């Protein structure tokens, strides 16, 4: 057997071994990804030079039973400064609602405001502010489109950010 034939045989064996190793790595990655828990979408909030990522505050069935609690997002937003929200496609591609709560800095009264957004209308929103009104919090609500086998809605999600 000459050197060229031996070299070809060695290269062929190395190639087969490389293909087997690559297939093993690919199978392992696929199994890990396939068995991973699905992650709930998060919202990114930005104000006054700070950013916070917010997971759903609650993920419940329609009757607010079997809720999974997550901590509220908190962000410093001085009166007069806006809050900017960035929503992933999982939220913005569906109809969603934003509820804002303001507090009068002089009287302490609170005011509630709400706005509905059509599916696909906006992926980012700026929550306005006024020097006389402190933004106290924002809630993003996603109505449920998930149904069980009987066609009943299963869950809805709420993302909440407490501002101070």
N, C-alpha and C. Protein backbone atom coordinates (compact mmCIF):
# COMPACT_ATOMS: atom_id res chain seq x y z
N UNK A 1 0.85 -1.17 0.00
CA UNK A 1 0.00 0.00 0.00
C UNK A 1 0.90 1.23 0.00
N UNK A 2 0.62 2.13 -0.92
CA UNK A 2 1.47 3.31 -0.99
C UNK A 2 0.98 4.39 -0.03
N UNK A 3 1.77 5.45 0.10
CA UNK A 3 1.49 6.53 1.05
C UNK A 3 0.21 7.27 0.67
N UNK A 4 -0.03 7.50 -0.60
CA UNK A 4 -1.22 8.23 -1.02
C UNK A 4 -2.50 7.49 -0.65
N UNK A 5 -2.53 6.21 -0.83
CA UNK A 5 -3.72 5.42 -0.50
C UNK A 5 -3.95 5.45 1.01
N UNK A 6 -2.88 5.31 1.80
CA UNK A 6 -2.99 5.35 3.26
C UNK A 6 -3.49 6.72 3.72
N UNK A 7 -3.00 7.80 3.11
CA UNK A 7 -3.42 9.16 3.45
C UNK A 7 -4.90 9.35 3.13
N UNK A 8 -5.32 8.86 1.97
CA UNK A 8 -6.73 8.97 1.59
C UNK A 8 -7.62 8.21 2.58
N UNK A 9 -7.18 7.02 3.00
CA UNK A 9 -7.94 6.21 3.93
C UNK A 9 -8.03 6.92 5.29
N UNK A 10 -6.93 7.49 5.75
CA UNK A 10 -6.92 8.22 7.02
C UNK A 10 -7.83 9.43 6.96
N UNK A 11 -7.76 10.19 5.88
CA UNK A 11 -8.62 11.36 5.73
C UNK A 11 -10.09 10.95 5.69
N UNK A 12 -10.41 9.85 5.03
CA UNK A 12 -11.79 9.36 4.96
C UNK A 12 -12.28 8.98 6.35
N UNK A 13 -11.44 8.29 7.12
CA UNK A 13 -11.83 7.92 8.49
C UNK A 13 -12.03 9.15 9.37
N UNK A 14 -11.15 10.14 9.25
CA UNK A 14 -11.29 11.39 10.01
C UNK A 14 -12.58 12.13 9.62
N UNK A 15 -12.90 12.13 8.34
CA UNK A 15 -14.13 12.78 7.87
C UNK A 15 -15.36 12.08 8.44
N UNK A 16 -15.36 10.74 8.44
CA UNK A 16 -16.48 9.98 9.00
C UNK A 16 -16.60 10.28 10.50
N UNK A 17 -15.48 10.30 11.22
CA UNK A 17 -15.51 10.61 12.65
C UNK A 17 -16.04 12.02 12.90
N UNK A 18 -15.64 12.97 12.08
CA UNK A 18 -16.10 14.35 12.20
C UNK A 18 -17.61 14.44 11.97
N UNK A 19 -18.11 13.73 10.98
CA UNK A 19 -19.55 13.73 10.70
C UNK A 19 -20.32 13.12 11.87
N UNK A 20 -19.81 12.04 12.45
CA UNK A 20 -20.46 11.41 13.60
C UNK A 20 -20.49 12.36 14.79
N UNK A 21 -19.39 13.03 15.07
CA UNK A 21 -19.33 13.98 16.18
C UNK A 21 -20.29 15.15 15.93
N UNK A 22 -20.31 15.69 14.71
CA UNK A 22 -21.21 16.80 14.38
C UNK A 22 -22.67 16.38 14.55
N UNK A 23 -23.01 15.17 14.12
CA UNK A 23 -24.38 14.67 14.27
C UNK A 23 -24.73 14.53 15.74
N UNK A 24 -23.80 14.07 16.55
CA UNK A 24 -24.04 13.96 17.99
C UNK A 24 -24.27 15.30 18.64
N UNK A 25 -23.46 16.28 18.29
CA UNK A 25 -23.63 17.64 18.84
C UNK A 25 -24.97 18.21 18.39
N UNK A 26 -25.32 18.05 17.13
CA UNK A 26 -26.59 18.56 16.62
C UNK A 26 -27.77 17.90 17.34
N UNK A 27 -27.70 16.60 17.57
CA UNK A 27 -28.78 15.90 18.27
C UNK A 27 -28.89 16.38 19.71
N UNK A 28 -27.76 16.61 20.37
CA UNK A 28 -27.78 17.10 21.75
C UNK A 28 -28.39 18.49 21.82
N UNK A 29 -27.99 19.39 20.94
CA UNK A 29 -28.54 20.75 20.91
C UNK A 29 -30.04 20.70 20.63
N UNK A 30 -30.46 19.89 19.66
CA UNK A 30 -31.88 19.78 19.34
C UNK A 30 -32.67 19.30 20.55
N UNK A 31 -32.17 18.31 21.26
CA UNK A 31 -32.86 17.77 22.43
C UNK A 31 -32.96 18.82 23.53
N UNK A 32 -31.90 19.57 23.77
CA UNK A 32 -31.93 20.62 24.80
C UNK A 32 -32.92 21.71 24.44
N UNK A 33 -32.93 22.14 23.20
CA UNK A 33 -33.86 23.20 22.77
C UNK A 33 -35.29 22.68 22.80
N UNK A 34 -35.50 21.46 22.36
CA UNK A 34 -36.83 20.89 22.31
C UNK A 34 -37.43 20.71 23.70
N UNK A 35 -36.60 20.39 24.69
CA UNK A 35 -37.12 20.14 26.03
C UNK A 35 -37.13 21.39 26.91
N UNK A 36 -36.65 22.53 26.40
CA UNK A 36 -36.62 23.76 27.20
C UNK A 36 -38.03 24.29 27.41
N UNK A 37 -38.26 24.84 28.58
CA UNK A 37 -39.55 25.45 28.87
C UNK A 37 -39.74 26.67 27.96
N UNK A 38 -40.94 26.84 27.40
CA UNK A 38 -41.15 28.03 26.57
C UNK A 38 -41.11 29.29 27.45
N UNK A 39 -40.39 30.28 26.99
CA UNK A 39 -40.25 31.52 27.76
C UNK A 39 -41.39 32.47 27.41
N UNK A 40 -41.91 33.11 28.43
CA UNK A 40 -42.95 34.12 28.20
C UNK A 40 -42.27 35.38 27.68
N UNK A 41 -42.95 36.12 26.82
CA UNK A 41 -42.34 37.34 26.27
C UNK A 41 -42.12 38.39 27.36
N UNK A 42 -41.10 39.21 27.16
CA UNK A 42 -40.79 40.28 28.10
C UNK A 42 -40.90 41.63 27.41
N UNK A 43 -41.09 42.65 28.21
CA UNK A 43 -41.16 44.04 27.74
C UNK A 43 -39.92 44.75 28.25
N UNK A 44 -39.36 45.62 27.44
CA UNK A 44 -38.22 46.44 27.87
C UNK A 44 -38.73 47.86 28.11
N UNK A 45 -38.42 48.39 29.28
CA UNK A 45 -38.82 49.75 29.65
C UNK A 45 -37.55 50.58 29.85
N UNK A 46 -37.60 51.83 29.37
CA UNK A 46 -36.45 52.74 29.46
C UNK A 46 -36.91 54.11 29.93
N UNK A 47 -36.21 54.66 30.91
CA UNK A 47 -36.49 56.03 31.36
C UNK A 47 -35.28 56.56 32.11
N UNK A 48 -35.00 57.83 31.88
CA UNK A 48 -33.99 58.55 32.66
C UNK A 48 -32.65 57.82 32.69
N UNK A 49 -32.27 57.21 31.57
CA UNK A 49 -30.98 56.56 31.45
C UNK A 49 -30.92 55.14 31.98
N UNK A 50 -32.02 54.58 32.44
CA UNK A 50 -32.05 53.22 32.99
C UNK A 50 -32.99 52.35 32.16
N UNK A 51 -32.69 51.06 32.11
CA UNK A 51 -33.50 50.09 31.39
C UNK A 51 -33.85 48.93 32.32
N UNK A 52 -35.06 48.42 32.18
CA UNK A 52 -35.48 47.25 32.94
C UNK A 52 -36.25 46.33 32.00
N UNK A 53 -36.06 45.03 32.17
CA UNK A 53 -36.81 44.03 31.40
C UNK A 53 -37.87 43.45 32.31
N UNK A 54 -39.09 43.39 31.81
CA UNK A 54 -40.23 43.00 32.63
C UNK A 54 -40.87 41.72 32.09
N UNK A 55 -40.95 40.72 32.95
CA UNK A 55 -41.67 39.48 32.63
C UNK A 55 -43.14 39.68 33.03
N UNK A 56 -44.01 38.81 32.56
CA UNK A 56 -45.42 38.97 32.96
C UNK A 56 -45.56 38.96 34.48
N UNK A 57 -46.32 39.93 35.01
CA UNK A 57 -46.56 39.99 36.45
C UNK A 57 -47.47 38.84 36.85
N UNK A 58 -48.41 38.53 36.00
CA UNK A 58 -49.28 37.39 36.24
C UNK A 58 -49.55 36.72 34.91
N UNK A 59 -49.67 35.43 34.95
CA UNK A 59 -50.08 34.67 33.79
C UNK A 59 -51.13 33.71 34.34
N UNK A 60 -52.39 34.00 34.07
CA UNK A 60 -53.48 33.29 34.73
C UNK A 60 -54.47 32.75 33.71
N UNK A 61 -55.37 31.88 34.22
CA UNK A 61 -56.49 31.53 33.37
C UNK A 61 -57.48 32.68 33.40
N UNK A 62 -58.52 32.61 32.59
CA UNK A 62 -59.45 33.72 32.45
C UNK A 62 -60.12 34.10 33.76
N UNK A 63 -60.25 33.16 34.68
CA UNK A 63 -60.95 33.41 35.93
C UNK A 63 -59.98 33.79 37.05
N UNK A 64 -58.76 34.16 36.68
CA UNK A 64 -57.70 34.58 37.61
C UNK A 64 -57.39 33.51 38.64
N UNK A 65 -57.47 32.26 38.22
CA UNK A 65 -57.07 31.14 39.05
C UNK A 65 -55.76 30.59 38.49
N UNK A 66 -55.05 29.84 39.28
CA UNK A 66 -53.80 29.22 38.84
C UNK A 66 -52.82 30.26 38.28
N UNK A 67 -52.68 31.37 38.98
CA UNK A 67 -51.79 32.44 38.52
C UNK A 67 -50.34 32.10 38.84
N UNK A 68 -49.46 32.46 37.94
CA UNK A 68 -48.03 32.36 38.15
C UNK A 68 -47.54 33.79 38.38
N UNK A 69 -47.00 34.05 39.54
CA UNK A 69 -46.56 35.40 39.89
C UNK A 69 -45.10 35.63 39.48
N UNK A 70 -44.82 36.77 38.98
CA UNK A 70 -43.47 37.23 38.71
C UNK A 70 -43.33 38.60 39.37
N UNK A 71 -42.14 38.99 39.75
CA UNK A 71 -42.00 40.31 40.38
C UNK A 71 -42.32 41.44 39.40
N UNK A 72 -42.86 42.52 39.95
CA UNK A 72 -43.14 43.70 39.14
C UNK A 72 -41.82 44.35 38.73
N UNK A 73 -41.82 44.96 37.55
CA UNK A 73 -40.67 45.76 37.16
C UNK A 73 -40.72 47.08 37.89
N UNK A 74 -39.59 47.62 38.23
CA UNK A 74 -39.52 48.92 38.90
C UNK A 74 -38.51 49.80 38.17
N UNK A 75 -38.88 51.07 38.00
CA UNK A 75 -38.02 51.98 37.26
C UNK A 75 -38.24 53.40 37.76
N UNK A 76 -37.16 54.13 37.94
CA UNK A 76 -37.22 55.53 38.35
C UNK A 76 -37.57 56.38 37.15
N UNK A 77 -38.71 57.10 37.23
CA UNK A 77 -39.16 57.99 36.17
C UNK A 77 -39.58 59.30 36.83
N UNK A 78 -38.71 60.30 36.87
CA UNK A 78 -39.08 61.57 37.50
C UNK A 78 -40.26 62.23 36.80
N UNK A 79 -41.04 63.00 37.56
CA UNK A 79 -42.16 63.74 36.97
C UNK A 79 -41.63 64.61 35.84
N UNK A 80 -42.33 64.58 34.72
CA UNK A 80 -41.92 65.35 33.55
C UNK A 80 -41.09 64.57 32.55
N UNK A 81 -40.62 63.38 32.91
CA UNK A 81 -39.83 62.55 32.00
C UNK A 81 -40.70 61.43 31.43
N UNK A 82 -40.51 61.09 30.16
CA UNK A 82 -41.31 60.03 29.56
C UNK A 82 -40.75 58.64 29.89
N UNK A 83 -41.60 57.65 29.72
CA UNK A 83 -41.22 56.25 29.83
C UNK A 83 -41.38 55.64 28.44
N UNK A 84 -40.37 54.93 27.98
CA UNK A 84 -40.44 54.29 26.67
C UNK A 84 -40.53 52.79 26.85
N UNK A 85 -41.46 52.18 26.12
CA UNK A 85 -41.67 50.73 26.20
C UNK A 85 -41.43 50.11 24.85
N UNK A 86 -40.76 48.98 24.85
CA UNK A 86 -40.53 48.20 23.63
C UNK A 86 -41.15 46.84 23.84
N UNK A 87 -42.05 46.46 22.93
CA UNK A 87 -42.78 45.21 23.05
C UNK A 87 -42.35 44.22 21.99
N UNK A 88 -42.24 42.94 22.34
CA UNK A 88 -41.89 41.94 21.34
C UNK A 88 -43.10 41.64 20.45
N UNK A 89 -42.85 40.99 19.35
CA UNK A 89 -43.92 40.66 18.39
C UNK A 89 -45.01 39.81 19.04
N UNK A 90 -44.66 38.96 20.00
CA UNK A 90 -45.67 38.12 20.65
C UNK A 90 -46.75 38.94 21.31
N UNK A 91 -46.44 40.17 21.69
CA UNK A 91 -47.44 41.06 22.29
C UNK A 91 -48.00 42.00 21.23
N UNK A 92 -47.13 42.70 20.52
CA UNK A 92 -47.58 43.74 19.60
C UNK A 92 -48.33 43.21 18.38
N UNK A 93 -48.16 41.95 18.04
CA UNK A 93 -48.89 41.38 16.90
C UNK A 93 -50.30 40.96 17.27
N UNK A 94 -50.69 41.19 18.52
CA UNK A 94 -52.05 40.91 18.98
C UNK A 94 -52.65 42.22 19.48
N UNK A 95 -53.96 42.30 19.62
CA UNK A 95 -54.52 43.50 20.26
C UNK A 95 -54.04 43.56 21.72
N UNK A 96 -53.64 44.73 22.18
CA UNK A 96 -53.18 44.87 23.55
C UNK A 96 -53.62 46.21 24.11
N UNK A 97 -53.59 46.30 25.45
CA UNK A 97 -54.06 47.51 26.12
C UNK A 97 -52.98 48.00 27.07
N UNK A 98 -52.86 49.34 27.16
CA UNK A 98 -51.93 49.95 28.10
C UNK A 98 -52.74 50.79 29.10
N UNK A 99 -52.54 50.51 30.38
CA UNK A 99 -53.16 51.27 31.45
C UNK A 99 -52.05 52.06 32.14
N UNK A 100 -52.26 53.37 32.30
CA UNK A 100 -51.26 54.20 32.99
C UNK A 100 -51.91 54.82 34.22
N UNK A 101 -51.12 54.95 35.27
CA UNK A 101 -51.58 55.57 36.52
C UNK A 101 -50.66 56.74 36.82
N UNK A 102 -51.27 57.91 37.02
CA UNK A 102 -50.52 59.13 37.35
C UNK A 102 -50.95 59.62 38.73
N UNK A 103 -50.05 60.32 39.41
CA UNK A 103 -50.37 60.96 40.68
C UNK A 103 -50.07 62.44 40.60
N UNK A 104 -51.00 63.26 41.08
CA UNK A 104 -50.80 64.71 41.13
C UNK A 104 -49.78 65.00 42.22
N UNK A 105 -48.68 65.65 41.88
CA UNK A 105 -47.60 65.89 42.84
C UNK A 105 -48.01 66.87 43.94
N UNK A 106 -49.05 67.68 43.72
CA UNK A 106 -49.49 68.65 44.74
C UNK A 106 -50.58 68.08 45.63
N UNK A 107 -51.59 67.43 45.04
CA UNK A 107 -52.76 67.00 45.81
C UNK A 107 -52.70 65.53 46.21
N UNK A 108 -51.90 64.73 45.54
CA UNK A 108 -51.84 63.32 45.84
C UNK A 108 -52.93 62.50 45.14
N UNK A 109 -53.82 63.14 44.39
CA UNK A 109 -54.86 62.41 43.66
C UNK A 109 -54.23 61.53 42.60
N UNK A 110 -54.88 60.41 42.31
CA UNK A 110 -54.40 59.53 41.25
C UNK A 110 -55.37 59.54 40.08
N UNK A 111 -54.82 59.37 38.90
CA UNK A 111 -55.59 59.37 37.67
C UNK A 111 -55.23 58.13 36.86
N UNK A 112 -56.24 57.53 36.29
CA UNK A 112 -56.07 56.32 35.49
C UNK A 112 -56.37 56.65 34.04
N UNK A 113 -55.52 56.16 33.13
CA UNK A 113 -55.73 56.37 31.70
C UNK A 113 -55.51 55.04 31.00
N UNK A 114 -56.23 54.80 29.93
CA UNK A 114 -56.09 53.55 29.19
C UNK A 114 -56.14 53.78 27.70
N UNK A 115 -55.49 52.89 26.98
CA UNK A 115 -55.46 53.00 25.53
C UNK A 115 -55.37 51.60 24.93
N UNK A 116 -56.20 51.33 23.92
CA UNK A 116 -56.15 50.05 23.20
C UNK A 116 -55.29 50.21 21.95
N UNK A 117 -54.58 49.15 21.59
CA UNK A 117 -53.75 49.15 20.40
C UNK A 117 -54.19 47.97 19.53
N UNK A 118 -54.33 48.21 18.25
CA UNK A 118 -54.68 47.14 17.32
C UNK A 118 -53.47 46.25 17.08
N UNK A 119 -53.76 45.04 16.66
CA UNK A 119 -52.69 44.08 16.37
C UNK A 119 -51.76 44.64 15.31
N UNK A 120 -50.46 44.61 15.60
CA UNK A 120 -49.44 45.05 14.66
C UNK A 120 -49.30 46.56 14.52
N UNK A 121 -50.05 47.33 15.30
CA UNK A 121 -50.03 48.79 15.16
C UNK A 121 -48.74 49.42 15.68
N UNK A 122 -48.23 48.93 16.83
CA UNK A 122 -47.05 49.55 17.43
C UNK A 122 -46.22 48.53 18.19
N UNK A 123 -44.91 48.60 18.01
CA UNK A 123 -43.99 47.75 18.78
C UNK A 123 -43.30 48.54 19.87
N UNK A 124 -43.44 49.86 19.81
CA UNK A 124 -42.84 50.72 20.84
C UNK A 124 -43.83 51.84 21.13
N UNK A 125 -43.82 52.31 22.37
CA UNK A 125 -44.71 53.39 22.77
C UNK A 125 -44.00 54.26 23.80
N UNK A 126 -44.23 55.55 23.71
CA UNK A 126 -43.71 56.49 24.69
C UNK A 126 -44.86 56.95 25.56
N UNK A 127 -44.73 56.73 26.86
CA UNK A 127 -45.74 57.15 27.83
C UNK A 127 -45.41 58.57 28.22
N UNK A 128 -46.29 59.53 27.89
CA UNK A 128 -45.98 60.93 28.18
C UNK A 128 -46.02 61.22 29.68
N UNK A 129 -45.41 62.33 30.02
CA UNK A 129 -45.40 62.76 31.41
C UNK A 129 -45.54 64.28 31.46
N UNK A 130 -45.87 64.76 32.64
CA UNK A 130 -46.08 66.18 32.87
C UNK A 130 -45.41 66.50 34.21
N UNK A 131 -44.73 67.63 34.34
CA UNK A 131 -44.06 67.94 35.61
C UNK A 131 -45.01 67.94 36.82
N UNK A 132 -46.31 68.20 36.60
CA UNK A 132 -47.26 68.22 37.71
C UNK A 132 -47.84 66.83 38.00
N UNK A 133 -47.60 65.87 37.10
CA UNK A 133 -48.13 64.52 37.28
C UNK A 133 -46.99 63.50 37.30
N UNK A 134 -46.87 62.78 38.38
CA UNK A 134 -45.87 61.72 38.51
C UNK A 134 -46.46 60.42 37.94
N UNK A 135 -45.75 59.82 37.02
CA UNK A 135 -46.17 58.51 36.52
C UNK A 135 -45.94 57.50 37.64
N UNK A 136 -47.01 56.81 38.06
CA UNK A 136 -46.91 55.85 39.15
C UNK A 136 -46.77 54.41 38.67
N UNK A 137 -47.26 54.16 37.47
CA UNK A 137 -47.15 52.80 36.97
C UNK A 137 -47.81 52.62 35.62
N UNK A 138 -47.42 51.54 34.96
CA UNK A 138 -47.96 51.18 33.66
C UNK A 138 -48.23 49.68 33.67
N UNK A 139 -49.34 49.32 33.07
CA UNK A 139 -49.68 47.91 32.93
C UNK A 139 -50.00 47.64 31.47
N UNK A 140 -49.38 46.61 30.93
CA UNK A 140 -49.68 46.16 29.57
C UNK A 140 -50.49 44.88 29.71
N UNK A 141 -51.64 44.85 29.06
CA UNK A 141 -52.53 43.69 29.15
C UNK A 141 -52.68 43.06 27.78
N UNK A 142 -52.57 41.77 27.74
CA UNK A 142 -52.71 41.02 26.50
C UNK A 142 -53.93 40.11 26.64
N UNK A 143 -55.02 40.42 25.94
CA UNK A 143 -56.19 39.54 26.01
C UNK A 143 -55.83 38.15 25.50
N UNK A 144 -56.49 37.17 26.03
CA UNK A 144 -56.16 35.79 25.68
C UNK A 144 -56.72 35.39 24.33
N UNK A 145 -55.89 34.70 23.58
CA UNK A 145 -56.33 34.06 22.34
C UNK A 145 -56.14 32.56 22.45
N UNK A 146 -55.64 32.12 23.62
CA UNK A 146 -55.39 30.71 23.85
C UNK A 146 -56.68 30.06 24.34
N UNK A 147 -57.06 28.96 23.72
CA UNK A 147 -58.28 28.26 24.12
C UNK A 147 -57.98 26.80 24.40
N UNK A 148 -58.82 26.20 25.24
CA UNK A 148 -58.66 24.77 25.52
C UNK A 148 -59.41 23.96 24.47
N UNK A 149 -59.51 22.64 24.68
CA UNK A 149 -60.15 21.77 23.70
C UNK A 149 -61.62 22.12 23.47
N UNK A 150 -62.27 22.70 24.49
CA UNK A 150 -63.68 23.08 24.38
C UNK A 150 -63.85 24.47 23.78
N UNK A 151 -62.74 25.13 23.46
CA UNK A 151 -62.82 26.47 22.89
C UNK A 151 -62.91 27.59 23.91
N UNK A 152 -62.68 27.27 25.19
CA UNK A 152 -62.72 28.28 26.25
C UNK A 152 -61.35 28.93 26.40
N UNK A 153 -61.30 30.26 26.62
CA UNK A 153 -60.01 30.93 26.84
C UNK A 153 -59.29 30.35 28.06
N UNK A 154 -57.98 30.14 27.93
CA UNK A 154 -57.20 29.54 29.01
C UNK A 154 -56.46 30.59 29.84
N UNK A 155 -55.79 31.51 29.20
CA UNK A 155 -54.90 32.37 29.96
C UNK A 155 -54.84 33.77 29.37
N UNK A 156 -54.38 34.69 30.20
CA UNK A 156 -54.03 36.03 29.74
C UNK A 156 -52.80 36.47 30.52
N UNK A 157 -52.15 37.50 30.03
CA UNK A 157 -50.93 37.93 30.70
C UNK A 157 -50.96 39.43 30.93
N UNK A 158 -50.28 39.84 31.99
CA UNK A 158 -50.18 41.25 32.37
C UNK A 158 -48.73 41.55 32.70
N UNK A 159 -48.20 42.62 32.14
CA UNK A 159 -46.85 43.09 32.46
C UNK A 159 -47.02 44.40 33.21
N UNK A 160 -46.43 44.51 34.38
CA UNK A 160 -46.62 45.70 35.21
C UNK A 160 -45.28 46.32 35.58
N UNK A 161 -45.24 47.64 35.49
CA UNK A 161 -44.04 48.40 35.84
C UNK A 161 -44.44 49.45 36.87
N UNK A 162 -43.85 49.38 38.04
CA UNK A 162 -44.09 50.41 39.05
C UNK A 162 -43.01 51.47 38.87
N UNK A 163 -43.45 52.70 38.74
CA UNK A 163 -42.50 53.80 38.57
C UNK A 163 -42.55 54.69 39.81
N UNK A 164 -41.46 55.34 40.06
CA UNK A 164 -41.37 56.22 41.23
C UNK A 164 -40.48 57.39 40.92
